[in-house]
Structure formats: C-alpha cells, structure tokens
N, C-alpha and C. Protein backbone atom coordinates (compact mmCIF):
# COMPACT_ATOMS: atom_id res chain seq x y z
N MET A 1 86.49 -201.86 -46.96
CA MET A 1 86.08 -202.58 -45.65
C MET A 1 84.26 -202.62 -45.63
N VAL A 2 84.19 -203.66 -45.14
CA VAL A 2 82.57 -204.07 -45.13
C VAL A 2 82.40 -203.88 -43.54
N LEU A 3 81.35 -203.07 -43.40
CA LEU A 3 80.75 -202.83 -42.11
C LEU A 3 79.72 -204.24 -41.57
N GLU A 4 80.34 -204.82 -40.32
CA GLU A 4 79.38 -205.60 -39.85
C GLU A 4 78.23 -205.16 -39.07
N VAL A 5 77.13 -205.35 -39.78
CA VAL A 5 75.86 -204.81 -38.72
C VAL A 5 75.14 -206.21 -38.19
N ASN A 6 74.82 -206.11 -36.71
CA ASN A 6 74.18 -206.88 -35.97
C ASN A 6 72.63 -206.62 -36.01
N THR A 7 72.06 -207.72 -35.90
CA THR A 7 70.46 -207.71 -36.10
C THR A 7 69.98 -207.29 -34.88
N PRO A 8 69.36 -206.17 -34.64
CA PRO A 8 68.86 -205.99 -33.63
C PRO A 8 67.76 -206.67 -33.28
N LYS A 9 67.53 -207.27 -31.74
CA LYS A 9 66.43 -207.76 -31.24
C LYS A 9 65.17 -207.04 -31.66
N LYS A 10 64.85 -206.05 -31.10
CA LYS A 10 63.67 -205.08 -31.51
C LYS A 10 64.13 -204.09 -32.36
N PHE A 11 63.40 -203.62 -33.24
CA PHE A 11 63.27 -202.42 -34.10
C PHE A 11 61.88 -201.48 -34.10
N ASP A 12 62.01 -200.40 -34.20
CA ASP A 12 60.73 -199.54 -34.37
C ASP A 12 60.61 -198.83 -35.80
N ILE A 13 59.56 -199.04 -36.21
CA ILE A 13 59.34 -198.41 -37.48
C ILE A 13 57.61 -197.50 -37.37
N GLU A 14 57.97 -196.31 -37.50
CA GLU A 14 56.66 -195.13 -37.32
C GLU A 14 56.27 -195.22 -36.18
N GLY A 15 57.06 -195.78 -35.02
CA GLY A 15 56.41 -195.52 -33.51
C GLY A 15 55.84 -196.98 -33.32
N THR A 16 55.96 -198.22 -34.03
CA THR A 16 55.46 -199.38 -33.38
C THR A 16 56.76 -200.25 -33.54
N GLU A 17 56.84 -200.72 -32.42
CA GLU A 17 58.27 -201.80 -32.11
C GLU A 17 57.86 -203.00 -32.46
N TYR A 18 58.82 -203.80 -33.19
CA TYR A 18 58.48 -205.23 -33.54
C TYR A 18 59.80 -206.09 -33.09
N ASN A 19 59.70 -207.32 -32.82
CA ASN A 19 60.67 -208.25 -32.54
C ASN A 19 60.99 -208.93 -33.76
N SER A 20 62.51 -209.04 -34.01
CA SER A 20 63.08 -209.41 -35.25
C SER A 20 62.88 -210.85 -35.26
N LYS A 21 62.57 -211.35 -34.22
CA LYS A 21 62.65 -212.74 -34.16
C LYS A 21 61.18 -213.58 -34.76
N GLU A 22 60.55 -212.25 -35.04
CA GLU A 22 59.12 -213.04 -35.91
C GLU A 22 59.19 -212.75 -37.35
N LEU A 23 60.48 -212.24 -37.98
CA LEU A 23 60.86 -212.18 -39.27
C LEU A 23 61.28 -213.27 -39.94
N SER A 24 61.01 -213.65 -41.09
CA SER A 24 61.65 -214.92 -42.16
C SER A 24 63.11 -214.34 -42.36
N ASP A 25 63.86 -215.39 -43.18
CA ASP A 25 65.22 -214.93 -43.13
C ASP A 25 65.29 -213.95 -43.99
N ARG A 26 64.49 -213.72 -44.91
CA ARG A 26 64.36 -212.55 -46.17
C ARG A 26 64.05 -211.28 -45.05
N GLY A 27 63.46 -211.36 -43.92
CA GLY A 27 62.87 -210.02 -43.46
C GLY A 27 64.08 -209.71 -42.46
N ILE A 28 64.80 -210.62 -42.03
CA ILE A 28 66.21 -210.39 -41.51
C ILE A 28 67.23 -210.03 -42.20
N LEU A 29 67.23 -209.94 -43.41
CA LEU A 29 68.38 -209.34 -44.43
C LEU A 29 67.77 -208.15 -44.47
N ILE A 30 66.52 -207.71 -44.97
CA ILE A 30 65.90 -206.62 -45.11
C ILE A 30 66.14 -205.79 -44.13
N LEU A 31 66.03 -206.16 -42.80
CA LEU A 31 66.34 -205.46 -41.31
C LEU A 31 67.87 -205.09 -41.47
N ARG A 32 68.62 -206.15 -41.57
CA ARG A 32 69.96 -205.90 -41.69
C ARG A 32 70.59 -204.58 -42.96
N ASN A 33 69.87 -204.70 -43.85
CA ASN A 33 70.35 -203.83 -44.96
C ASN A 33 69.74 -202.29 -44.65
N LEU A 34 68.47 -202.37 -43.71
CA LEU A 34 67.79 -201.04 -43.26
C LEU A 34 68.92 -200.51 -42.15
N THR A 35 69.37 -201.70 -41.45
CA THR A 35 70.27 -200.90 -40.25
C THR A 35 71.60 -200.50 -40.39
N TYR A 36 72.03 -201.14 -41.83
CA TYR A 36 73.19 -200.60 -42.49
C TYR A 36 73.11 -199.35 -42.92
N ALA A 37 71.98 -199.14 -43.89
CA ALA A 37 71.72 -197.79 -44.27
C ALA A 37 71.79 -196.68 -43.48
N GLU A 38 71.02 -196.95 -42.33
CA GLU A 38 70.88 -195.92 -41.04
C GLU A 38 72.27 -195.43 -40.46
N VAL A 39 72.95 -196.61 -40.55
CA VAL A 39 74.27 -196.42 -39.86
C VAL A 39 75.10 -195.40 -40.71
N LYS A 40 75.07 -195.81 -42.12
CA LYS A 40 75.61 -195.12 -42.82
C LYS A 40 75.22 -193.59 -42.90
N ILE A 41 74.02 -193.44 -42.88
CA ILE A 41 73.12 -192.08 -42.95
C ILE A 41 74.02 -191.00 -41.74
N ARG A 42 73.92 -191.86 -40.54
CA ARG A 42 74.47 -191.30 -39.42
C ARG A 42 75.96 -190.80 -39.63
N GLU A 43 76.68 -191.50 -40.39
CA GLU A 43 78.08 -191.46 -40.63
C GLU A 43 78.03 -190.27 -41.11
N MET A 44 77.42 -190.25 -42.37
CA MET A 44 77.60 -189.18 -43.11
C MET A 44 77.05 -187.83 -42.73
N ILE A 45 76.33 -187.62 -41.55
CA ILE A 45 75.71 -186.60 -41.05
C ILE A 45 76.65 -186.12 -40.19
N ASN A 46 77.55 -187.01 -39.58
CA ASN A 46 78.65 -186.61 -38.70
C ASN A 46 79.77 -186.14 -39.51
N LYS A 47 80.09 -186.66 -40.76
CA LYS A 47 81.04 -186.01 -41.51
C LYS A 47 80.46 -184.69 -42.21
N LYS A 48 79.51 -184.54 -42.28
CA LYS A 48 78.89 -183.25 -43.00
C LYS A 48 79.14 -182.03 -41.50
N ALA A 49 78.52 -182.58 -40.43
CA ALA A 49 78.83 -181.53 -39.31
C ALA A 49 80.56 -181.21 -39.37
N ILE A 50 81.53 -182.14 -39.37
CA ILE A 50 82.74 -182.10 -39.37
C ILE A 50 83.45 -180.91 -40.35
N MET A 51 82.85 -181.25 -41.66
CA MET A 51 83.23 -180.58 -42.96
C MET A 51 82.63 -179.02 -42.60
N THR A 52 81.28 -179.02 -42.28
CA THR A 52 80.70 -177.79 -42.04
C THR A 52 81.87 -176.94 -41.17
N LYS A 53 82.26 -177.54 -40.17
CA LYS A 53 82.92 -176.57 -39.17
C LYS A 53 84.35 -176.51 -39.70
N ALA A 54 84.78 -177.37 -40.33
CA ALA A 54 86.30 -176.71 -41.08
C ALA A 54 85.84 -175.73 -42.03
N ARG A 55 84.85 -175.81 -43.04
CA ARG A 55 84.60 -174.54 -43.70
C ARG A 55 84.45 -173.27 -43.20
N ASN A 56 83.72 -173.44 -41.83
CA ASN A 56 83.51 -172.34 -41.09
C ASN A 56 84.92 -171.58 -40.91
N ALA A 57 85.73 -172.42 -40.11
CA ALA A 57 86.92 -171.64 -39.77
C ALA A 57 87.95 -171.16 -41.02
N TYR A 58 87.76 -172.04 -42.08
CA TYR A 58 88.50 -171.55 -43.21
C TYR A 58 88.14 -170.09 -43.71
N ILE A 59 86.71 -169.81 -43.63
CA ILE A 59 85.84 -168.82 -43.97
C ILE A 59 86.43 -167.56 -43.04
N SER A 60 86.75 -167.74 -41.82
CA SER A 60 86.99 -167.25 -40.77
C SER A 60 88.61 -166.57 -40.78
N GLU A 61 89.30 -167.73 -41.21
CA GLU A 61 90.71 -167.50 -41.68
C GLU A 61 90.99 -166.38 -42.86
N ILE A 62 90.10 -166.77 -44.02
CA ILE A 62 90.36 -166.15 -44.88
C ILE A 62 89.82 -164.48 -44.83
N LYS A 63 88.97 -164.47 -44.13
CA LYS A 63 88.31 -163.06 -43.92
C LYS A 63 89.41 -162.45 -42.96
N LYS A 64 90.14 -162.79 -42.16
CA LYS A 64 91.35 -162.33 -41.40
C LYS A 64 92.40 -161.78 -42.61
N GLU A 65 92.66 -162.82 -43.36
CA GLU A 65 93.90 -162.79 -44.35
C GLU A 65 93.38 -161.37 -45.20
N ILE A 66 92.25 -161.17 -45.64
CA ILE A 66 91.43 -160.00 -46.47
C ILE A 66 91.69 -158.86 -45.77
N ILE A 67 91.45 -158.91 -44.44
CA ILE A 67 91.20 -157.77 -43.47
C ILE A 67 93.09 -157.39 -43.57
N LYS A 68 93.87 -158.18 -43.30
CA LYS A 68 95.51 -157.95 -43.14
C LYS A 68 95.88 -157.33 -44.41
N SER A 69 95.59 -157.85 -45.47
CA SER A 69 96.12 -157.52 -46.80
C SER A 69 95.70 -156.00 -46.96
N LYS A 70 94.47 -155.79 -46.54
CA LYS A 70 93.94 -154.74 -47.12
C LYS A 70 94.14 -153.24 -46.11
N SER A 71 94.37 -153.75 -44.80
CA SER A 71 94.79 -152.75 -44.11
C SER A 71 96.14 -152.73 -43.17
N GLY A 72 96.49 -154.01 -43.25
CA GLY A 72 98.06 -154.08 -42.78
C GLY A 72 97.97 -154.68 -41.45
N ILE A 73 96.67 -154.56 -40.44
CA ILE A 73 96.64 -155.07 -39.23
C ILE A 73 96.26 -156.56 -39.28
N ASP A 74 97.07 -157.16 -38.55
CA ASP A 74 96.99 -158.57 -38.12
C ASP A 74 95.94 -158.79 -37.06
N LEU A 75 94.59 -159.40 -37.21
CA LEU A 75 93.57 -159.28 -36.31
C LEU A 75 94.03 -160.51 -35.36
N SER A 76 94.88 -161.20 -35.72
CA SER A 76 95.04 -162.56 -35.08
C SER A 76 95.96 -161.95 -33.68
N THR A 77 96.72 -161.11 -33.95
CA THR A 77 97.46 -160.70 -32.79
C THR A 77 96.82 -159.67 -31.99
N LEU A 78 95.93 -158.86 -32.51
CA LEU A 78 95.07 -157.82 -31.67
C LEU A 78 94.03 -158.73 -30.67
N LEU A 79 93.44 -159.84 -31.10
CA LEU A 79 92.53 -160.72 -30.51
C LEU A 79 93.23 -161.70 -29.52
N SER A 80 94.33 -161.85 -29.79
CA SER A 80 95.06 -163.27 -28.71
C SER A 80 95.30 -162.37 -27.58
N ASP A 81 95.35 -163.45 -26.56
CA ASP A 81 95.61 -163.25 -25.00
C ASP A 81 96.87 -162.18 -24.82
C-alpha cells in the first residue's frame, strides 16, 4: 500500500515558515518525501504507544498468574466489583 502524500502549501523548518510555491520541482519532491517520512514517524510512535500499553497489560496479567499459582488466591476475583 502506497501512502499518498499531499504537498503542504506552507511548511516549517526550524521555526521558519516557507511557501511550497517557491520551490522547484525537485524541491517539491524533497518536501513530499520529508512529509512522508514525518507521517511514517508519527505512525511508528503511535504503534509503539499501543504496543507499550499491551506489554504493560501482559505484565500485569502474568504477575496475577504468578501470585495465583504461588498463593492459590485469584486476585482478579478479589479486586473485581
């Protein structure tokens, strides 16, 4: 699947705003590649957050299983409403 990247009309680099209309064809291509890279980085950050949340949930569950196997007490029944 190829991500379609739109060329932004204005873009910011290190605090300075530029107008994409002032770029050459090569500059537009570079800007599109930069925009694509930024989108992919954001997607990866979001995926990492999801995986970290899942990892923490699995750690919590395994801790409960360890306590249950050692003590015979099911914490999920003790802590449920």
